[in-house]
Amino acid sequence: MKSSLTLEQRVLMLARAADLDLVEGARLFSKAEKPAARALAQLLRDFNYLASVEFDAACAGKSEAFRHAYARRMSSAKAKARQLQEFHAAVENIRDSDRVLALLPSSAEATVRSIRHVLSLVAGQGGTPQRT
């Protein structure tokens, strides 16, 4: 399917509308795009800053009391909204930036690589525009 929006932007559009379940049935994605759309949707559903590489790095070498206090601070509504906004921006730039990796658990690295692979294949077929 040709679209002026990238696959990432289409998945984010569904996320912002709280309609990620539509990734499966939506005609917004070609058959070739579906695996990456599904994987992105799952990353968006599962996003938890407290499980991220960045959070772990901020707490590395610190006491358990610090980790607990920092987790409490990062769990406020304002902090969560900022984290989600930053994560959405990172997802939108997933092709060009590793920022998304810092906002996910290290276990998600293979998923991000897989998404990038599908995105490059689809872009090569003219399915979605390559980001510049």
Protein backbone atom coordinates (compact mmCIF):
# COMPACT_ATOMS: atom_id res chain seq x y z
CA MET A 1 0.00 0.00 0.00
CA LYS A 2 1.33 3.40 -0.94
CA SER A 3 0.88 6.19 1.54
CA SER A 4 2.34 9.59 2.15
CA LEU A 5 2.78 8.51 5.78
CA THR A 6 5.55 6.13 6.76
CA LEU A 7 4.65 2.84 8.40
CA GLU A 8 5.91 4.24 11.70
CA GLN A 9 3.63 7.26 11.39
CA ARG A 10 0.62 5.07 10.59
CA VAL A 11 1.24 2.84 13.63
CA LEU A 12 1.70 5.92 15.82
CA MET A 13 -1.54 7.36 14.47
CA LEU A 14 -3.33 4.22 15.68
CA ALA A 15 -1.51 4.37 19.03
CA ARG A 16 -2.52 7.98 19.61
CA ALA A 17 -6.11 7.03 18.87
CA ALA A 18 -5.84 4.05 21.25
CA ASP A 19 -6.59 1.74 18.31
CA LEU A 20 -3.47 -0.43 18.10
CA ASP A 21 -5.69 -3.50 17.82
CA LEU A 22 -6.58 -2.25 14.34
CA VAL A 23 -3.07 -3.03 13.10
CA GLU A 24 -4.21 -6.57 12.34
CA GLY A 25 -7.25 -5.73 10.26
CA ALA A 26 -6.40 -2.28 9.02
CA ARG A 27 -5.86 -1.76 5.35
CA LEU A 28 -3.25 0.78 6.33
CA PHE A 29 -0.51 -1.83 5.90
CA SER A 30 0.52 -4.04 3.02
CA LYS A 31 1.20 -7.72 3.59
CA ALA A 32 4.94 -6.97 3.53
CA GLU A 33 4.51 -4.22 6.14
CA LYS A 34 2.38 -6.22 8.59
CA PRO A 35 5.27 -7.88 10.52
CA ALA A 36 6.90 -4.52 11.27
CA ALA A 37 3.53 -2.91 12.05
CA ARG A 38 2.69 -5.71 14.49
CA ALA A 39 6.10 -5.50 16.17
CA LEU A 40 5.91 -1.71 16.49
CA ALA A 41 2.41 -1.96 17.91
CA GLN A 42 3.64 -4.46 20.51
CA LEU A 43 6.55 -2.21 21.50
CA LEU A 44 4.11 0.67 21.93
CA ARG A 45 1.72 -1.45 24.00
CA ASP A 46 4.54 -2.71 26.23
CA PHE A 47 6.40 0.58 26.70
CA ASN A 48 7.56 1.01 30.28
CA TYR A 49 10.29 3.53 30.94
CA LEU A 50 11.18 1.83 34.23
CA ALA A 51 12.27 -1.24 32.24
CA SER A 52 14.40 0.80 29.82
CA VAL A 53 18.14 0.77 29.27
CA GLU A 54 18.14 4.50 30.07
CA PHE A 55 16.46 4.00 33.45
CA ASP A 56 18.87 1.19 34.32
CA ALA A 57 21.84 3.35 33.32
CA ALA A 58 20.60 6.22 35.49
CA CYS A 59 20.40 3.85 38.47
CA ALA A 60 23.64 1.94 37.82
CA GLY A 61 25.85 1.90 40.87
CA LYS A 62 23.23 3.65 42.99
CA SER A 63 21.52 2.33 46.10
CA GLU A 64 18.21 0.52 46.08
CA ALA A 65 16.72 3.53 47.89
CA PHE A 66 17.84 5.79 45.04
CA ARG A 67 16.36 3.40 42.46
CA HIS A 68 13.07 3.33 44.34
CA ALA A 69 12.93 7.14 44.69
CA TYR A 70 13.86 7.65 41.03
CA ALA A 71 11.22 5.12 39.95
CA ARG A 72 8.63 7.00 42.00
CA ARG A 73 9.68 10.29 40.37
CA MET A 74 9.57 8.77 36.88
CA SER A 75 6.12 7.32 37.58
CA SER A 76 4.33 10.64 37.97
CA ALA A 77 1.67 11.43 35.37
CA LYS A 78 3.74 14.33 34.01
CA ALA A 79 6.89 12.17 33.70
CA LYS A 80 4.95 9.34 32.03
CA ALA A 81 3.43 11.72 29.49
CA ARG A 82 6.88 13.11 28.68
CA GLN A 83 8.35 9.60 28.38
CA LEU A 84 5.56 8.48 26.05
CA GLN A 85 5.97 11.58 23.90
CA GLU A 86 9.71 10.95 23.68
CA PHE A 87 9.13 7.27 22.89
CA HIS A 88 6.71 8.17 20.10
CA ALA A 89 9.32 10.53 18.63
CA ALA A 90 11.94 7.77 18.85
CA VAL A 91 9.62 5.28 17.13
CA GLU A 92 8.94 7.78 14.36
CA ASN A 93 12.72 7.98 13.80
CA ILE A 94 13.44 4.27 14.30
CA ARG A 95 15.08 3.97 10.87
CA ASP A 96 17.62 6.69 11.49
CA SER A 97 18.21 6.84 15.23
CA ASP A 98 19.14 4.48 18.04
CA ARG A 99 17.26 6.59 20.60
CA VAL A 100 14.47 4.02 20.64
CA LEU A 101 16.94 1.42 21.96
CA ALA A 102 17.66 3.50 25.06
CA LEU A 103 13.96 3.72 25.83
CA LEU A 104 13.39 -0.03 25.65
CA PRO A 105 14.74 -2.97 27.62
CA SER A 106 17.94 -4.42 26.13
CA SER A 107 15.94 -7.54 25.25
CA ALA A 108 14.08 -5.50 22.59
CA GLU A 109 17.19 -4.88 20.47
CA ALA A 110 16.55 -7.90 18.22
CA THR A 111 12.97 -6.75 17.67
CA VAL A 112 14.16 -3.29 16.63
CA ARG A 113 16.67 -4.83 14.22
CA SER A 114 13.90 -6.98 12.74
CA ILE A 115 11.61 -3.95 12.34
CA ARG A 116 14.39 -2.01 10.64
CA HIS A 117 15.03 -4.91 8.29
CA VAL A 118 11.38 -5.09 7.22
CA LEU A 119 11.24 -1.31 6.84
CA SER A 120 14.28 -1.33 4.56
CA LEU A 121 12.82 -4.16 2.45
CA VAL A 122 9.47 -2.41 2.12
CA ALA A 123 11.13 0.91 1.29
CA GLY A 124 13.13 -0.89 -1.40
CA GLN A 125 9.86 -2.12 -2.92
CA GLY A 126 8.39 1.36 -2.88
CA GLY A 127 5.89 0.48 -0.13
CA THR A 128 6.69 3.40 2.12
CA PRO A 129 8.97 6.32 1.52
CA GLN A 130 12.49 6.04 2.89
CA ARG A 131 13.08 8.63 5.59
CA THR A 132 15.87 11.08 4.88
